[in-house]
Protein backbone atom coordinates (compact mmCIF):
# COMPACT_ATOMS: atom_id res chain seq x y z
CA MET A 1 13.17 5.07 11.05
CA ALA A 2 12.43 8.58 9.81
CA LEU A 3 8.83 9.71 9.50
CA LYS A 4 7.57 9.89 5.95
CA ARG A 5 5.17 12.53 4.68
CA ILE A 6 1.59 12.53 5.93
CA ILE A 7 -0.55 14.89 3.88
CA PRO A 8 -4.06 16.12 4.67
CA CYS A 9 -6.14 15.95 1.48
CA LEU A 10 -8.98 18.47 1.51
CA LEU A 11 -11.88 18.22 -0.92
CA TYR A 12 -13.42 21.46 -2.18
CA ASP A 13 -16.76 21.64 -3.98
CA GLY A 14 -16.49 25.23 -5.17
CA SER A 15 -17.87 26.83 -2.03
CA GLY A 16 -16.54 24.90 0.97
CA LEU A 17 -14.79 21.78 2.15
CA VAL A 18 -16.60 18.45 1.88
CA LYS A 19 -15.81 14.80 2.50
CA THR A 20 -16.98 11.95 0.29
CA VAL A 21 -17.47 8.21 0.66
CA LYS A 22 -16.35 6.25 -2.42
CA PHE A 23 -16.30 9.56 -4.31
CA LYS A 24 -20.03 10.06 -3.61
CA HIS A 25 -22.32 11.65 -0.99
CA PRO A 26 -20.28 14.77 -0.12
CA SER A 27 -20.81 16.00 3.43
CA TYR A 28 -20.08 19.62 4.33
CA ILE A 29 -17.00 20.12 6.50
CA GLY A 30 -16.44 23.85 6.69
CA ASP A 31 -14.37 26.79 5.50
CA PRO A 32 -11.03 25.90 3.89
CA ILE A 33 -9.15 28.90 5.29
CA ASN A 34 -10.01 27.94 8.86
CA ALA A 35 -8.86 24.37 8.23
CA ILE A 36 -5.58 25.54 6.73
CA LYS A 37 -4.87 27.76 9.74
CA ILE A 38 -5.34 24.79 12.06
CA PHE A 39 -3.05 22.62 9.93
CA ASN A 40 -0.45 25.41 10.13
CA ASP A 41 -0.56 25.16 13.91
CA LYS A 42 -0.16 21.40 13.67
CA GLU A 43 2.89 21.84 11.40
CA VAL A 44 1.75 19.37 8.76
CA ASP A 45 4.24 18.32 6.07
CA GLU A 46 2.21 19.31 3.01
CA LEU A 47 -1.37 20.07 2.08
CA ILE A 48 -3.46 18.91 -0.87
CA LEU A 49 -6.62 20.64 -2.07
CA ILE A 50 -8.78 18.99 -4.74
CA ASP A 51 -11.72 20.78 -6.37
CA ILE A 52 -13.90 17.72 -6.96
CA ASN A 53 -16.41 19.51 -9.19
CA ALA A 54 -14.24 21.66 -11.45
CA SER A 55 -13.65 19.10 -14.22
CA LYS A 56 -17.17 17.69 -14.00
CA GLN A 57 -18.66 21.17 -14.31
CA LYS A 58 -16.11 22.16 -16.98
CA ARG A 59 -15.00 25.24 -15.10
CA LYS A 60 -11.60 26.71 -14.41
CA PRO A 61 -9.95 26.68 -11.00
CA ASN A 62 -11.10 29.49 -8.71
CA PHE A 63 -7.75 31.26 -8.82
CA HIS A 64 -8.79 34.02 -6.42
CA LYS A 65 -9.88 31.55 -3.75
CA ILE A 66 -6.86 29.31 -4.33
CA ALA A 67 -4.56 32.32 -3.95
CA ASP A 68 -6.19 33.10 -0.60
CA MET A 69 -5.66 29.52 0.55
CA ALA A 70 -2.07 29.33 -0.70
CA SER A 71 -1.21 32.58 1.06
CA GLU A 72 -2.47 31.13 4.35
CA ALA A 73 -0.59 27.83 3.99
CA PHE A 74 2.79 27.72 5.73
CA MET A 75 3.55 24.34 4.15
CA PRO A 76 3.98 23.14 0.54
CA PHE A 77 0.57 23.43 -1.10
CA ALA A 78 -0.70 21.22 -3.94
CA TYR A 79 -3.87 21.81 -5.95
CA GLY A 80 -5.88 19.75 -8.42
CA GLY A 81 -9.14 20.29 -10.31
CA GLY A 82 -10.15 21.95 -13.56
CA VAL A 83 -6.61 22.54 -14.82
CA LYS A 84 -6.81 22.44 -18.63
CA THR A 85 -4.27 24.85 -20.14
CA TYR A 86 -0.61 25.78 -19.80
CA GLU A 87 -1.77 29.17 -18.56
CA ASP A 88 -3.76 27.49 -15.77
CA PHE A 89 -0.56 25.84 -14.54
CA ALA A 90 1.42 29.07 -14.80
CA THR A 91 -1.21 31.01 -12.86
CA LEU A 92 -1.34 28.41 -10.10
CA TYR A 93 2.43 28.42 -9.66
CA LYS A 94 2.43 32.22 -9.64
CA ILE A 95 -0.14 32.44 -6.84
CA GLY A 96 1.72 30.04 -4.57
CA VAL A 97 0.82 26.48 -5.56
CA GLU A 98 3.96 24.32 -5.53
CA LYS A 99 2.53 21.20 -7.17
CA VAL A 100 -0.37 20.84 -9.59
CA ILE A 101 -2.27 17.56 -9.54
CA VAL A 102 -3.63 16.34 -12.87
CA ASN A 103 -5.99 13.54 -13.72
CA SER A 104 -8.43 13.92 -16.62
CA LEU A 105 -5.99 16.22 -18.46
CA ILE A 106 -3.69 13.21 -18.89
CA GLN A 107 -6.29 11.74 -21.24
CA GLU A 108 -7.19 15.03 -22.89
CA ASP A 109 -3.86 16.72 -23.67
CA ARG A 110 -0.62 15.19 -22.42
CA GLU A 111 1.46 17.63 -24.47
CA ILE A 112 0.49 20.44 -22.10
CA ILE A 113 1.77 18.41 -19.16
CA LYS A 114 5.03 17.64 -20.97
CA LYS A 115 5.60 21.34 -21.65
CA VAL A 116 4.90 22.20 -18.01
CA THR A 117 7.34 19.60 -16.71
CA SER A 118 9.94 20.85 -19.19
CA ASP A 119 9.53 24.46 -18.06
CA TYR A 120 8.87 24.02 -14.33
CA GLY A 121 10.39 20.62 -13.59
CA ALA A 122 8.84 17.19 -13.14
CA GLN A 123 8.47 17.77 -9.39
CA ALA A 124 5.86 20.47 -10.10
CA VAL A 125 3.31 18.00 -11.53
CA VAL A 126 1.61 15.09 -9.75
CA ALA A 127 -0.44 12.56 -11.70
CA CYS A 128 -3.49 11.30 -9.84
CA VAL A 129 -4.66 7.78 -10.65
CA ASP A 130 -8.08 6.62 -9.44
CA ILE A 131 -8.22 2.86 -8.86
CA LYS A 132 -11.62 1.17 -8.87
CA LYS A 133 -12.93 -2.40 -8.89
CA ARG A 134 -14.69 -3.64 -11.98
CA LEU A 135 -16.95 -6.64 -12.42
CA PHE A 136 -15.61 -9.77 -10.69
CA GLY A 137 -13.33 -7.67 -8.48
CA GLN A 138 -10.70 -6.75 -11.06
CA LYS A 139 -9.14 -3.33 -10.51
CA SER A 140 -8.43 -0.76 -13.20
CA PRO A 141 -7.25 2.85 -13.41
CA TYR A 142 -9.85 5.53 -14.09
CA SER A 143 -9.82 9.24 -14.79
CA HIS A 144 -11.45 11.47 -12.22
CA ILE A 145 -14.49 12.01 -14.42
CA GLY A 146 -15.11 8.27 -14.30
CA HIS A 147 -13.71 7.03 -17.59
CA LYS A 148 -11.89 3.70 -17.52
CA ILE A 149 -8.34 3.87 -18.82
CA LYS A 150 -7.40 1.17 -21.32
CA ALA A 151 -4.26 -0.03 -19.54
CA ALA A 152 -3.31 -2.23 -16.62
CA ILE A 153 -2.53 -0.38 -13.40
CA VAL A 154 1.23 -0.96 -13.35
CA GLU A 155 1.51 -0.34 -17.08
CA TYR A 156 -0.29 2.98 -16.67
CA ALA A 157 1.92 4.02 -13.74
CA LYS A 158 5.05 3.38 -15.80
CA PHE A 159 3.54 5.33 -18.69
CA LEU A 160 2.92 8.35 -16.45
CA GLU A 161 6.51 8.30 -15.27
CA ASN A 162 8.31 7.56 -18.53
CA GLU A 163 6.08 9.01 -21.24
CA VAL A 164 4.17 11.84 -19.57
CA GLY A 165 7.10 12.75 -17.33
CA VAL A 166 5.36 13.60 -14.05
CA GLY A 167 7.44 13.73 -10.89
CA GLU A 168 5.05 12.03 -8.49
CA LEU A 169 2.02 9.72 -8.48
CA MET A 170 -1.03 9.96 -6.25
CA VAL A 171 -2.84 6.63 -6.11
CA GLN A 172 -6.46 6.97 -4.97
CA SER A 173 -8.65 4.01 -4.09
CA VAL A 174 -12.22 4.89 -5.05
CA ASP A 175 -13.60 1.86 -3.21
CA ASN A 176 -11.74 2.70 0.02
CA ASP A 177 -12.41 6.44 0.01
CA GLY A 178 -14.11 7.55 3.22
CA THR A 179 -14.47 4.01 4.60
CA TRP A 180 -11.86 4.25 7.38
CA GLU A 181 -10.90 0.66 6.52
CA GLY A 182 -7.34 1.23 5.30
CA TYR A 183 -5.53 1.91 2.06
CA ASP A 184 -5.33 -0.36 -0.96
CA ASP A 185 -1.99 -1.76 0.19
CA GLU A 186 -1.70 -4.32 -2.60
CA VAL A 187 -2.08 -1.90 -5.50
CA THR A 188 0.09 0.72 -3.81
CA GLU A 189 2.91 -1.75 -3.30
CA GLN A 190 2.69 -2.89 -6.93
CA ILE A 191 3.04 0.68 -8.15
CA VAL A 192 5.84 1.58 -5.71
CA LYS A 193 7.86 -1.38 -6.97
CA SER A 194 7.27 -0.51 -10.63
CA VAL A 195 8.26 3.17 -10.75
CA ASN A 196 11.20 5.33 -9.70
CA ILE A 197 9.24 8.39 -8.61
CA PRO A 198 7.51 9.09 -5.28
CA VAL A 199 4.08 7.54 -4.71
CA ILE A 200 1.39 9.08 -2.48
CA ALA A 201 -1.22 6.60 -1.24
CA SER A 202 -4.75 7.94 -0.79
CA GLY A 203 -8.15 6.60 0.20
CA GLY A 204 -9.31 4.73 3.28
CA CYS A 205 -7.05 5.74 6.15
CA GLY A 206 -8.76 5.34 9.51
CA ASN A 207 -5.98 5.03 12.10
CA VAL A 208 -2.23 5.21 12.66
CA ASP A 209 -1.82 1.48 12.00
CA HIS A 210 -3.06 2.06 8.46
CA LEU A 211 -0.45 4.79 8.09
CA LYS A 212 2.34 2.60 9.42
CA LYS A 213 1.44 -0.22 7.07
CA ILE A 214 1.17 1.87 3.93
CA LEU A 215 4.36 3.83 4.65
CA TYR A 216 6.66 1.18 6.05
CA THR A 217 5.35 -2.14 4.71
CA THR A 218 4.26 -1.20 1.20
CA ASN A 219 6.90 1.57 1.23
CA ALA A 220 4.75 4.35 -0.16
CA HIS A 221 6.68 7.60 -0.02
CA ALA A 222 3.75 9.54 1.46
CA ALA A 223 0.21 8.99 2.71
CA ALA A 224 -2.74 11.31 2.16
CA ILE A 225 -5.42 11.41 4.85
CA GLY A 226 -8.97 12.62 4.25
CA SER A 227 -11.62 11.54 6.77
CA MET A 228 -8.99 11.15 9.47
CA ALA A 229 -7.96 14.78 8.90
CA VAL A 230 -11.42 16.32 9.23
CA TYR A 231 -13.40 14.08 11.62
CA SER A 232 -12.74 13.21 15.26
CA LYS A 233 -13.65 9.55 14.65
CA LYS A 234 -15.72 7.50 12.23
CA GLY A 235 -19.35 8.57 12.52
CA MET A 236 -18.48 11.52 14.75
CA GLY A 237 -18.44 15.27 14.19
CA VAL A 238 -16.05 17.52 12.31
CA LEU A 239 -12.69 18.06 14.00
CA ILE A 240 -9.58 19.11 12.11
CA HIS A 241 -7.06 16.50 13.15
CA PHE A 242 -3.50 15.39 12.45
CA PRO A 243 -1.84 12.34 14.02
CA LYS A 244 1.02 12.80 16.45
CA ARG A 245 4.30 12.12 14.70
CA GLU A 246 5.63 9.85 17.42
CA GLU A 247 2.61 7.56 16.93
CA VAL A 248 3.49 6.89 13.29
CA ILE A 249 7.28 6.46 13.37
CA VAL A 250 8.38 2.83 13.14
CA GLU A 251 11.56 2.06 15.08
């Protein structure tokens, strides 16, 4: 069976790379350019960079820094964080970003996203959905600034595909983020079965078995790795890492 996409997901706080646990407690990782150069050598499939503070701090993307990163990346490069206007999208595409990831903008101004997908194609926009447990263990979709979305998870996924018109979904488990305990397989599978666009699973990967399960049992189209991409092991030091392809392929 062919290997599906495995995508390092790097978190940027405005000055350097960090890694979070359940979207909290960011720990410093290092310089993004150095990490990208190592991922080039490892021939990764794609790369995702998320500025985790841009929307919270109500600031624009750091286009100069993003341009530097995109110019170093030898693989398709996706960026998310602080994108609010059509011009923001246009600038990002111009400086080398192939896909723009949106989250809070979906709640703020969907018409901008629709215009972007019309002009640049649906494949150029990825909708990120944060999934978090509520009281009594029920799970709901949230925006990245922490606002609960008034829709069931599957209903919201279908809405993003059919009404907003994005070309891909990134499903992030807030509760699994940084835990090394595996993806939210159940929610991912529900979404994969409900939409006709690619789904990227994110949050919780700790080993190749987690990758195999999310990619070949739940049938996610791609898997993002965070902690596993920047640490040698759980509780150990920083080490830019990418799993060997032969370890993940399922015969």
